[in-house]
Structures are given as C-alpha cells and as structure tokens.
C-alpha cells in the first residue's frame, strides 16, 4: 500500500472517530469510582488531535473541526518515527472504542510515568490506556475540578503506574448538569447503595434507592 493511500485511509478513520468522540464524549462529564473515592473526567475537543498520534500543521482546533465536518484531507496529515502509520491506525481505532470503555469494566491506574510525561491517573481496558491530568495555568497551578484526557497509549500501562484499582462505578452527566444522571457501569460486586455518602450527593435522586435522596 502506498504512503498516499495510507494517509487517505487514516484520514477517513479519523473523521469517523471524530464523530464518535463528539457524539459520545464531548460535552459530558464522567465520574469514575474506585477505592471508595472518585475522579471526574472530561474529553476536550482540543485534545483530539494529540490522541490520534498523526502529525499535521493544523492547530488542534482546526484539526478537530475539519475531522468532525468530514473536511480533513489526506494531504493535511503525515506520520513520523515516533508515530508510524501502524501505531496511528491502532490509536484511531482505540478512539472509537473510548466511548465503550467509558461505560464498561476497566481499571484505574495512579501515578503513571512514561519516558516523557507523568500523569496522575489513567484508565485502561487492557488494550489501551487514557492518561489523565488536571490542566494548569501559566503559573503551573491546577485549574478546574476535572481531569482531562491528554494522551492515548497503545498499551495497558500497568507497569508504568504505581497503583491499579478496579473501577466499581462509572456515571455521566452533561457538563452543565448539576448531578450525575446516568449510571453507565456498576461492578457486579458493588451497588449504588454501597457508595460513600460524599459520592451519593453527586448523583441524581432518580438513581438513588428510595429514602436516600
């Protein structure tokens, strides 16, 4: 297969992944419960480009906009030594699977260190990992109360983390909502009733057992 055809193929897959990313992840907040604590996670449009692994002269916002609108051209992307075509293909496929992992069995990793970056948390389904950090301002101080998906790695990252936990619950809500309205995943050994009270206060009354609103 020619390099030109490689770019054409991956551009089409990126456009499909961008639509799934927008439909299932952007504009929502996800709460992962593990070890009787939780973190809240969001997926930002400006991080989509980095998740694909491809090189481009487009800005992160332009890349996502063109991909979602189906306007991303093969000539606008290429591959490099660190992110060859085969790896980018797997990464783009994983983006399509992220929506599934956001509502299914997975593990939470803590304190992940790669060759170039450190991440406070990460989630993995054993096939790939999403690495999470809070955003920082120009002074390096954390801002916001959510972790942001900043990197997608084609590995489970267990060996790169200090601790690993089973995720017991995953909830979601719209970014502008006050409480979590959807229970996407509950481990067989867990229940909403068993959640700590501080977590229950973040969940919509309709999801709580009678008498616990």
Protein backbone atom coordinates (compact mmCIF):
# COMPACT_ATOMS: atom_id res chain seq x y z
CA UNK A 1 0.00 0.00 0.00
CA UNK A 2 1.38 3.46 -0.89
CA UNK A 3 2.03 6.22 1.64
CA UNK A 4 -0.60 8.31 -0.14
CA UNK A 5 -3.17 5.56 0.31
CA UNK A 6 -2.14 5.19 3.95
CA UNK A 7 -2.94 8.86 4.53
CA UNK A 8 -6.26 8.57 2.71
CA UNK A 9 -7.26 5.56 4.81
CA UNK A 10 -6.27 7.07 8.15
CA UNK A 11 -7.94 10.40 7.30
CA UNK A 12 -11.23 8.58 6.75
CA UNK A 13 -10.85 6.70 10.04
CA UNK A 14 -10.03 9.92 11.89
CA UNK A 15 -13.21 11.55 10.55
CA UNK A 16 -15.29 8.61 11.76
CA UNK A 17 -13.56 8.65 15.16
CA UNK A 18 -14.13 12.39 15.50
CA UNK A 19 -17.88 11.95 15.05
CA UNK A 20 -17.96 9.24 17.72
CA UNK A 21 -15.84 11.42 20.00
CA UNK A 22 -18.27 14.32 19.60
CA UNK A 23 -21.43 12.23 19.95
CA UNK A 24 -20.38 10.21 22.99
CA UNK A 25 -17.74 12.15 24.92
CA UNK A 26 -17.54 15.90 24.27
CA UNK A 27 -19.86 17.98 26.44
CA UNK A 28 -20.14 15.29 29.11
CA UNK A 29 -18.54 14.70 32.45
CA UNK A 30 -17.70 11.21 33.69
CA UNK A 31 -17.25 10.14 37.30
CA UNK A 32 -15.09 7.08 37.92
CA UNK A 33 -15.39 5.48 41.36
CA UNK A 34 -12.58 3.29 42.70
CA UNK A 35 -11.01 2.54 46.08
CA UNK A 36 -14.04 4.32 47.68
CA UNK A 37 -13.00 7.61 46.05
CA UNK A 38 -13.67 9.20 42.69
CA UNK A 39 -12.35 11.45 39.97
CA UNK A 40 -14.28 13.40 37.37
CA UNK A 41 -13.10 13.32 33.76
CA UNK A 42 -13.84 15.35 30.64
CA UNK A 43 -12.86 14.97 26.99
CA UNK A 44 -11.93 18.27 25.30
CA UNK A 45 -12.06 18.96 21.57
CA UNK A 46 -8.55 20.43 21.57
CA UNK A 47 -7.07 17.14 22.83
CA UNK A 48 -8.48 15.04 19.98
CA UNK A 49 -5.58 15.71 17.60
CA UNK A 50 -2.97 14.51 20.07
CA UNK A 51 -4.93 11.32 20.75
CA UNK A 52 -4.69 10.29 17.08
CA UNK A 53 -0.90 10.47 17.02
CA UNK A 54 -0.70 11.90 13.49
CA UNK A 55 1.44 14.90 12.53
CA UNK A 56 -0.16 17.93 10.95
CA UNK A 57 0.33 21.67 10.51
CA UNK A 58 -3.27 22.26 11.56
CA UNK A 59 -3.95 23.62 15.01
CA UNK A 60 -5.73 21.33 17.46
CA UNK A 61 -8.99 23.24 17.00
CA UNK A 62 -8.74 23.25 13.19
CA UNK A 63 -7.91 19.54 13.11
CA UNK A 64 -10.94 18.58 15.19
CA UNK A 65 -13.25 20.95 13.28
CA UNK A 66 -12.20 19.59 9.88
CA UNK A 67 -12.42 15.99 11.10
CA UNK A 68 -15.93 16.36 12.54
CA UNK A 69 -17.18 18.11 9.42
CA UNK A 70 -15.63 15.43 7.19
CA UNK A 71 -13.28 18.00 5.64
CA UNK A 72 -9.93 16.60 6.84
CA UNK A 73 -7.77 15.92 3.77
CA UNK A 74 -5.17 13.18 3.46
CA UNK A 75 -2.64 15.82 2.42
CA UNK A 76 -3.01 17.51 5.82
CA UNK A 77 -1.64 14.59 7.83
CA UNK A 78 1.53 12.52 7.87
CA UNK A 79 3.40 10.08 10.08
CA UNK A 80 6.71 10.25 11.91
CA UNK A 81 9.28 7.94 13.51
CA UNK A 82 7.58 8.10 16.91
CA UNK A 83 4.10 7.65 15.44
CA UNK A 84 4.29 5.48 12.32
CA UNK A 85 1.21 4.61 10.26
CA UNK A 86 0.64 1.29 12.08
CA UNK A 87 0.59 2.94 15.52
CA UNK A 88 -1.66 5.80 14.37
CA UNK A 89 -4.07 3.26 12.91
CA UNK A 90 -4.33 1.50 16.28
CA UNK A 91 -4.71 4.79 18.15
CA UNK A 92 -7.53 5.96 15.92
CA UNK A 93 -9.28 2.62 16.34
CA UNK A 94 -8.96 2.98 20.11
CA UNK A 95 -10.60 6.42 19.97
CA UNK A 96 -13.63 4.69 18.52
CA UNK A 97 -13.53 2.29 21.48
CA UNK A 98 -13.23 5.01 24.14
CA UNK A 99 -16.98 5.51 24.32
CA UNK A 100 -17.35 1.83 25.14
CA UNK A 101 -14.68 1.96 27.85
CA UNK A 102 -16.36 5.00 29.34
CA UNK A 103 -19.25 2.74 30.26
CA UNK A 104 -17.74 -0.69 30.85
CA UNK A 105 -15.37 -2.65 33.06
CA UNK A 106 -11.93 -1.05 33.35
CA UNK A 107 -9.10 -0.29 35.74
CA UNK A 108 -7.92 2.98 37.24
CA UNK A 109 -4.16 3.50 37.30
CA UNK A 110 -2.48 6.01 39.61
CA UNK A 111 0.81 7.86 39.12
CA UNK A 112 1.77 6.90 35.58
CA UNK A 113 5.25 7.76 34.35
CA UNK A 114 6.23 7.48 30.69
CA UNK A 115 9.53 8.42 29.05
CA UNK A 116 8.36 11.98 28.53
CA UNK A 117 5.41 12.68 30.83
CA UNK A 118 3.84 11.95 34.19
CA UNK A 119 0.10 11.55 34.68
CA UNK A 120 -1.85 11.49 37.93
CA UNK A 121 -4.38 8.92 36.70
CA UNK A 122 -5.22 6.73 33.75
CA UNK A 123 -7.92 4.27 32.76
CA UNK A 124 -7.33 1.07 30.82
CA UNK A 125 -9.35 -1.81 29.40
CA UNK A 126 -6.09 -3.82 28.98
CA UNK A 127 -5.90 -2.96 25.26
CA UNK A 128 -5.12 0.75 25.57
CA UNK A 129 -4.87 3.47 28.22
CA UNK A 130 -6.15 7.02 28.54
CA UNK A 131 -3.80 9.21 30.56
CA UNK A 132 -5.28 11.99 32.69
CA UNK A 133 -4.05 15.19 34.30
CA UNK A 134 -5.64 18.38 35.52
CA UNK A 135 -4.99 21.43 33.39
CA UNK A 136 -2.65 24.09 34.75
CA UNK A 137 -2.44 27.85 34.35
CA UNK A 138 0.62 29.84 33.29
CA UNK A 139 1.98 29.59 36.84
CA UNK A 140 1.70 25.81 36.88
CA UNK A 141 -1.23 25.80 39.30
CA UNK A 142 -4.04 23.32 38.73
CA UNK A 143 -7.29 24.76 37.43
CA UNK A 144 -10.75 23.26 37.32
CA UNK A 145 -12.08 20.30 39.26
CA UNK A 146 -11.87 17.73 36.44
CA UNK A 147 -9.15 15.60 34.98
CA UNK A 148 -8.69 15.93 31.23
CA UNK A 149 -7.85 13.11 28.84
CA UNK A 150 -4.46 14.19 27.50
CA UNK A 151 -2.91 11.09 25.95
CA UNK A 152 -3.88 7.73 24.46
CA UNK A 153 -1.33 4.93 24.69
CA UNK A 154 -1.44 1.65 22.82
CA UNK A 155 -0.71 -0.39 25.96
CA UNK A 156 -2.27 -1.12 29.35
CA UNK A 157 0.32 0.97 31.30
CA UNK A 158 0.16 -1.26 34.40
CA UNK A 159 3.96 -1.46 34.51
CA UNK A 160 4.22 2.32 34.28
CA UNK A 161 1.87 3.05 37.21
CA UNK A 162 2.32 2.91 40.98
CA UNK A 163 -1.13 1.50 41.77
CA UNK A 164 -4.04 -0.11 39.94
CA UNK A 165 -7.66 -0.33 41.11
CA UNK A 166 -10.85 -1.89 39.80
CA UNK A 167 -13.35 0.77 38.76
CA UNK A 168 -16.58 -0.06 40.61
CA UNK A 169 -18.90 2.60 39.17
CA UNK A 170 -18.99 4.97 36.20
CA UNK A 171 -21.56 7.78 35.99
CA UNK A 172 -22.08 10.52 33.41
CA UNK A 173 -23.88 13.82 33.07
CA UNK A 174 -23.93 16.79 30.76
CA UNK A 175 -21.31 19.41 31.55
CA UNK A 176 -23.97 21.92 32.50
CA UNK A 177 -25.85 19.46 34.72
CA UNK A 178 -25.66 19.61 38.49
CA UNK A 179 -25.78 15.90 39.27
CA UNK A 180 -24.93 12.63 37.55
CA UNK A 181 -27.99 11.27 35.78
CA UNK A 182 -26.71 8.09 34.12
CA UNK A 183 -25.14 5.00 35.66
CA UNK A 184 -23.00 3.66 32.81
CA UNK A 185 -21.36 0.83 34.72
CA UNK A 186 -21.68 -0.82 38.14
CA UNK A 187 -19.40 -3.72 39.06
CA UNK A 188 -21.19 -6.97 39.93
CA UNK A 189 -19.80 -6.84 43.47
CA UNK A 190 -20.95 -3.24 44.03
CA UNK A 191 -24.13 -1.18 44.14
CA UNK A 192 -25.18 2.44 44.33
CA UNK A 193 -26.32 1.83 47.91
CA UNK A 194 -22.78 0.89 48.90
CA UNK A 195 -21.28 4.19 47.75
CA UNK A 196 -19.85 6.61 50.33
CA UNK A 197 -22.24 9.44 51.19
CA UNK A 198 -19.93 12.08 49.68
CA UNK A 199 -20.33 10.37 46.31
CA UNK A 200 -24.08 9.86 46.64
CA UNK A 201 -24.51 13.63 46.97
CA UNK A 202 -23.25 13.98 43.41
CA UNK A 203 -25.80 11.54 41.97
CA UNK A 204 -29.31 12.38 40.79
CA UNK A 205 -32.18 11.39 43.10
CA UNK A 206 -33.64 9.17 40.37
CA UNK A 207 -30.64 6.87 40.61
CA UNK A 208 -30.65 6.60 44.38
CA UNK A 209 -32.68 3.96 46.23
CA UNK A 210 -35.88 5.21 47.84
CA UNK A 211 -35.23 7.09 51.04
CA UNK A 212 -31.64 8.03 50.15
CA UNK A 213 -32.22 11.25 48.23
